[in-house]
Amino acid sequence: MNKRVAIQGAEGSNHHKVARDFYGPSIQLIECMSFDALVSCLLDGSAAFGIMAIENTIAGSIIPNYALIDSNNLHIIGEEYLNIHHHLMALKGQQISGIKEVWSHPMALLQCKEFFKKHPHIKLVEDTDTAEVAKRISKENLMSIAAIAPKMAAEIFDLVILEDEIQTIKENATRFVIVQTAVPTNGVDQINKASLKFQLDHKRGSLAAILNVLSDCKMNLTKIQSLPVIETPWKYSFFVDITFDNYREYEKAMTIMAIMAEEFKVLGTYKNGRK
């Protein structure tokens, strides 16, 4: 039976590419137009796995997704890093000179702003999803309209790429996490990274002390993100990613941190996605 994988966005999107890279082509794809809808699919059993973007090298952390994972008790079971490429695509037989409007996600439009300065005749229109626009252009046979989307979308929806790599900043990558509601069964030999959440007392040096524990146990801190605790003004949760070589040292660090922190939670243990 094919794995039921929920993604934010449509077929042909970067989330779809990550799902295919992680699980292979034989998946049952469930398209969700928001991350909230994606989580709902996991909670009601419509999907077994979800793909969520969590941070981008240009835009930074996608903070609401940290809260979604935490508040819904999702488990991170893996991660993928994807270099982001933006391509201009339209129905076959068209040229850039004949394009009147480009529809895409606001972030994609922003990341390609410099390219369109060279084509002032094109109107930029914000839309919900990059690949969904490509799908609509193909399905409704929309002439003079182009989409900014991944190359995969052009292949799926039989569009022609008018211009490759139109993003202003060429080194642009997004980190995605794979989540599920069930407790993961990753073996120790498959684990060298963990995502953690903790809260601390308002005491001088409390954060430094817990970071020293990570250092003493030979944990490599790769990410730290603070998030306000709802309904508790000026109190914060810390979301931390660590990598490690020795699982026993990791267990030791977790034991100590659980004692030191007011609240402590392991959001997931998995294999480092950085090759």
Protein backbone atom coordinates (compact mmCIF):
# COMPACT_ATOMS: atom_id res chain seq x y z
CA MET A 1 0.00 0.00 0.00
CA ASN A 2 1.32 3.45 -0.95
CA LYS A 3 2.24 5.78 1.91
CA ARG A 4 -0.34 8.55 2.48
CA VAL A 5 1.70 11.76 2.61
CA ALA A 6 0.19 15.19 3.26
CA ILE A 7 1.96 18.23 1.83
CA GLN A 8 1.38 21.96 2.03
CA GLY A 9 0.69 23.01 -1.53
CA ALA A 10 -0.13 21.21 -4.74
CA GLU A 11 1.30 18.45 -6.85
CA GLY A 12 4.52 19.69 -8.45
CA SER A 13 5.45 21.91 -5.49
CA ASN A 14 8.68 21.82 -3.49
CA HIS A 15 6.82 19.97 -0.72
CA HIS A 16 5.85 17.33 -3.30
CA LYS A 17 9.47 17.02 -4.42
CA VAL A 18 10.59 16.48 -0.82
CA ALA A 19 7.89 13.84 -0.30
CA ARG A 20 9.05 12.01 -3.42
CA ASP A 21 12.73 12.32 -2.52
CA PHE A 22 12.10 10.98 1.00
CA TYR A 23 9.60 8.21 0.25
CA GLY A 24 10.05 7.53 -3.48
CA PRO A 25 7.52 8.04 -6.29
CA SER A 26 4.96 5.49 -5.04
CA ILE A 27 3.07 7.69 -2.59
CA GLN A 28 -0.54 8.72 -2.18
CA LEU A 29 -0.29 12.49 -2.18
CA ILE A 30 -2.74 14.55 -0.11
CA GLU A 31 -2.69 18.23 -1.07
CA CYS A 32 -3.36 20.81 1.66
CA MET A 33 -3.54 24.55 1.05
CA SER A 34 -2.32 25.40 4.57
CA PHE A 35 -0.16 23.89 7.30
CA ASP A 36 -3.18 23.86 9.62
CA ALA A 37 -5.05 21.72 7.08
CA LEU A 38 -2.00 19.44 6.83
CA VAL A 39 -1.99 18.89 10.60
CA SER A 40 -5.74 18.18 10.53
CA CYS A 41 -5.12 15.44 7.95
CA LEU A 42 -2.59 13.85 10.27
CA LEU A 43 -4.83 14.10 13.32
CA ASP A 44 -7.90 12.61 11.61
CA GLY A 45 -5.89 9.80 10.02
CA SER A 46 -6.32 10.95 6.40
CA ALA A 47 -2.53 10.98 6.11
CA ALA A 48 0.14 8.97 7.89
CA PHE A 49 2.98 11.42 7.25
CA GLY A 50 3.31 15.16 6.68
CA ILE A 51 5.95 17.33 5.00
CA MET A 52 6.45 20.75 6.59
CA ALA A 53 8.90 23.50 5.68
CA ILE A 54 10.52 24.70 8.90
CA GLU A 55 13.21 27.22 7.88
CA ASN A 56 14.70 28.96 4.86
CA THR A 57 18.14 30.47 4.37
CA ILE A 58 16.59 33.76 3.19
CA ALA A 59 13.31 34.05 5.10
CA GLY A 60 14.52 32.39 8.32
CA SER A 61 12.42 30.19 10.61
CA ILE A 62 8.78 29.46 9.84
CA ILE A 63 7.85 30.08 13.46
CA PRO A 64 4.15 29.07 13.36
CA ASN A 65 5.18 25.57 12.28
CA TYR A 66 7.20 25.07 15.46
CA ALA A 67 4.04 25.81 17.44
CA LEU A 68 1.95 23.48 15.25
CA ILE A 69 4.35 20.58 15.78
CA ASP A 70 4.55 21.18 19.51
CA SER A 71 0.89 21.89 20.32
CA ASN A 72 -0.36 18.92 18.30
CA ASN A 73 2.26 16.52 19.72
CA LEU A 74 3.64 15.63 16.31
CA HIS A 75 6.88 13.66 16.08
CA ILE A 76 9.69 14.65 13.72
CA ILE A 77 11.01 11.47 12.10
CA GLY A 78 13.25 12.91 9.40
CA GLU A 79 14.38 15.98 7.51
CA GLU A 80 15.33 17.03 3.99
CA TYR A 81 17.23 20.04 2.69
CA LEU A 82 16.19 21.33 -0.73
CA ASN A 83 17.85 23.97 -2.88
CA ILE A 84 15.08 26.26 -4.12
CA HIS A 85 14.94 27.02 -7.84
CA HIS A 86 12.36 29.31 -9.45
CA HIS A 87 11.43 28.83 -13.12
CA LEU A 88 9.09 30.87 -15.30
CA MET A 89 6.63 28.61 -17.15
CA ALA A 90 3.60 28.91 -19.38
CA LEU A 91 1.62 27.08 -22.06
CA LYS A 92 3.66 25.89 -25.02
CA GLY A 93 4.19 28.21 -27.97
CA GLN A 94 4.52 31.38 -25.91
CA GLN A 95 7.36 33.84 -25.41
CA ILE A 96 8.14 36.15 -22.50
CA SER A 97 7.17 39.12 -24.67
CA GLY A 98 3.62 37.78 -24.89
CA ILE A 99 3.19 37.23 -21.15
CA LYS A 100 0.93 39.82 -19.51
CA GLU A 101 0.73 38.48 -15.96
CA VAL A 102 2.73 36.18 -13.69
CA TRP A 103 0.86 34.50 -10.83
CA SER A 104 2.69 32.92 -7.91
CA HIS A 105 3.12 32.75 -4.15
CA PRO A 106 4.16 36.15 -2.67
CA MET A 107 7.51 34.77 -1.48
CA ALA A 108 8.35 33.44 -4.95
CA LEU A 109 7.47 36.81 -6.51
CA LEU A 110 9.63 38.59 -3.95
CA GLN A 111 12.58 36.28 -4.58
CA CYS A 112 12.38 36.96 -8.33
CA LYS A 113 11.83 40.72 -8.13
CA GLU A 114 15.08 41.69 -9.88
CA PHE A 115 14.31 39.48 -12.90
CA PHE A 116 10.97 41.19 -13.51
CA LYS A 117 12.55 44.65 -13.44
CA LYS A 118 13.86 43.67 -16.89
CA HIS A 119 10.29 42.90 -18.03
CA PRO A 120 8.20 45.86 -16.85
CA HIS A 121 5.27 44.91 -19.11
CA ILE A 122 4.49 41.93 -16.86
CA LYS A 123 2.06 42.40 -13.98
CA LEU A 124 2.89 40.37 -10.85
CA VAL A 125 -0.13 38.82 -9.12
CA GLU A 126 0.03 37.14 -5.71
CA ASP A 127 -1.58 33.70 -5.49
CA THR A 128 -1.84 30.83 -3.01
CA ASP A 129 0.71 28.31 -4.30
CA THR A 130 3.36 28.09 -7.02
CA ALA A 131 2.49 24.64 -8.39
CA GLU A 132 -1.27 25.17 -8.07
CA VAL A 133 -0.99 28.13 -10.45
CA ALA A 134 0.94 25.98 -12.94
CA LYS A 135 -1.81 23.35 -12.69
CA ARG A 136 -4.53 25.98 -13.26
CA ILE A 137 -2.75 27.42 -16.33
CA SER A 138 -2.58 23.94 -17.85
CA LYS A 139 -6.10 22.84 -16.91
CA GLU A 140 -7.83 26.07 -17.97
CA ASN A 141 -5.58 26.69 -20.99
CA LEU A 142 -4.72 30.21 -19.79
CA MET A 143 -2.83 32.14 -22.45
CA SER A 144 -0.60 35.14 -21.65
CA ILE A 145 -0.35 33.96 -18.01
CA ALA A 146 2.83 32.47 -16.56
CA ALA A 147 3.70 30.83 -13.25
CA ILE A 148 6.81 30.80 -11.12
CA ALA A 149 7.18 27.22 -9.96
CA PRO A 150 9.63 24.29 -9.61
CA LYS A 151 10.73 22.53 -12.78
CA MET A 152 8.83 19.45 -11.62
CA ALA A 153 5.55 21.37 -12.11
CA ALA A 154 6.37 22.08 -15.77
CA GLU A 155 6.98 18.37 -16.34
CA ILE A 156 3.76 17.28 -14.62
CA PHE A 157 1.48 19.89 -16.24
CA ASP A 158 3.15 19.93 -19.68
CA LEU A 159 4.24 23.55 -19.62
CA VAL A 160 7.25 25.12 -21.32
CA ILE A 161 9.93 26.85 -19.26
CA LEU A 162 10.41 30.36 -20.59
CA GLU A 163 13.34 31.18 -18.30
CA ASP A 164 15.38 29.07 -15.90
CA GLU A 165 16.66 30.09 -12.46
CA ILE A 166 15.06 33.52 -12.20
CA GLN A 167 15.58 33.88 -8.44
CA THR A 168 17.72 36.85 -7.39
CA ILE A 169 19.73 34.95 -4.77
CA LYS A 170 20.98 31.70 -6.26
CA GLU A 171 21.99 30.07 -2.96
CA ASN A 172 18.56 29.57 -1.42
CA ALA A 173 17.67 26.43 0.52
CA THR A 174 14.77 25.27 2.67
CA ARG A 175 14.78 22.71 5.43
CA PHE A 176 11.75 20.44 5.60
CA VAL A 177 10.77 18.07 8.41
CA ILE A 178 8.78 14.86 8.09
CA VAL A 179 6.20 14.52 10.86
CA GLN A 180 3.70 11.95 12.09
CA THR A 181 1.36 11.46 15.05
CA ALA A 182 2.64 7.98 15.96
CA VAL A 183 5.68 7.59 18.21
CA PRO A 184 8.65 6.95 15.86
CA THR A 185 10.53 3.67 15.82
CA ASN A 186 13.87 4.88 14.48
CA GLY A 187 16.67 2.57 15.57
CA VAL A 188 19.65 3.97 17.47
CA ASP A 189 21.89 3.41 14.45
CA GLN A 190 19.55 5.66 12.39
CA ILE A 191 19.65 8.58 14.84
CA ASN A 192 22.24 11.36 15.00
CA LYS A 193 20.07 14.43 15.31
CA ALA A 194 17.31 15.57 17.69
CA SER A 195 14.83 18.43 17.99
CA LEU A 196 14.07 19.57 21.54
CA LYS A 197 11.81 22.07 23.32
CA PHE A 198 12.34 23.44 26.82
CA GLN A 199 11.40 26.29 29.14
CA LEU A 200 13.64 27.80 31.81
CA ASP A 201 13.32 29.82 35.00
CA HIS A 202 13.96 33.56 34.79
CA LYS A 203 17.31 33.17 36.48
CA ARG A 204 20.65 34.62 35.47
CA GLY A 205 22.67 32.11 33.50
CA SER A 206 19.90 29.49 33.15
CA LEU A 207 20.19 29.32 29.36
CA ALA A 208 24.00 29.34 29.50
CA ALA A 209 23.92 26.46 32.00
CA ILE A 210 21.77 24.24 29.80
CA LEU A 211 23.88 25.05 26.73
CA ASN A 212 26.95 24.06 28.73
CA VAL A 213 25.34 20.66 29.34
CA LEU A 214 25.01 20.19 25.59
CA SER A 215 28.63 21.17 25.11
CA ASP A 216 29.91 18.93 27.92
CA CYS A 217 28.01 15.96 26.42
CA LYS A 218 29.54 16.67 23.00
CA MET A 219 26.26 17.79 21.40
CA ASN A 220 26.57 20.13 18.43
CA LEU A 221 23.98 22.91 18.56
CA THR A 222 22.76 23.55 15.00
CA LYS A 223 19.67 25.67 15.73
CA ILE A 224 18.09 27.63 18.57
CA GLN A 225 14.77 29.43 18.24
CA SER A 226 12.73 31.16 20.95
CA LEU A 227 8.94 31.32 20.89
CA PRO A 228 6.68 33.22 23.33
CA VAL A 229 4.65 31.09 25.72
CA ILE A 230 1.01 31.94 25.00
CA GLU A 231 -0.81 33.72 27.85
CA THR A 232 2.40 34.01 29.88
CA PRO A 233 3.93 37.42 29.03
CA TRP A 234 7.73 37.59 28.72
CA LYS A 235 8.17 33.85 29.08
CA TYR A 236 9.69 31.86 26.21
CA SER A 237 10.10 28.32 25.02
CA PHE A 238 13.33 27.38 23.30
CA PHE A 239 13.38 25.07 20.30
CA VAL A 240 16.78 23.51 19.75
CA ASP A 241 18.30 21.17 17.16
CA ILE A 242 21.41 19.17 18.01
CA THR A 243 23.57 16.64 16.22
CA PHE A 244 25.74 14.04 17.90
CA ASP A 245 27.97 11.01 17.26
CA ASN A 246 27.42 9.07 20.48
CA TYR A 247 23.86 8.06 21.40
CA ARG A 248 24.79 7.39 25.03
CA GLU A 249 26.10 10.93 25.39
CA TYR A 250 22.81 12.13 23.90
CA GLU A 251 20.82 10.13 26.48
CA LYS A 252 22.99 11.58 29.25
CA ALA A 253 22.35 15.13 28.02
CA MET A 254 18.59 14.51 27.85
CA THR A 255 18.49 13.19 31.40
CA ILE A 256 20.27 16.25 32.77
CA MET A 257 18.24 18.72 30.70
CA ALA A 258 14.95 17.15 31.84
CA ILE A 259 15.99 17.89 35.43
CA MET A 260 17.20 21.43 34.76
CA ALA A 261 14.31 22.67 32.60
CA GLU A 262 10.85 23.67 33.79
CA GLU A 263 9.37 21.89 30.80
CA PHE A 264 11.26 19.53 28.53
CA LYS A 265 10.16 17.68 25.42
CA VAL A 266 11.85 15.72 22.64
CA LEU A 267 10.08 16.65 19.40
CA GLY A 268 11.92 14.03 17.40
CA THR A 269 15.06 11.96 16.90
CA TYR A 270 16.14 11.20 13.35
CA LYS A 271 18.97 11.08 10.82
CA ASN A 272 20.72 14.34 9.95
CA GLY A 273 19.55 15.37 6.48
CA ARG A 274 22.68 17.32 5.63
CA LYS A 275 24.73 15.21 3.26
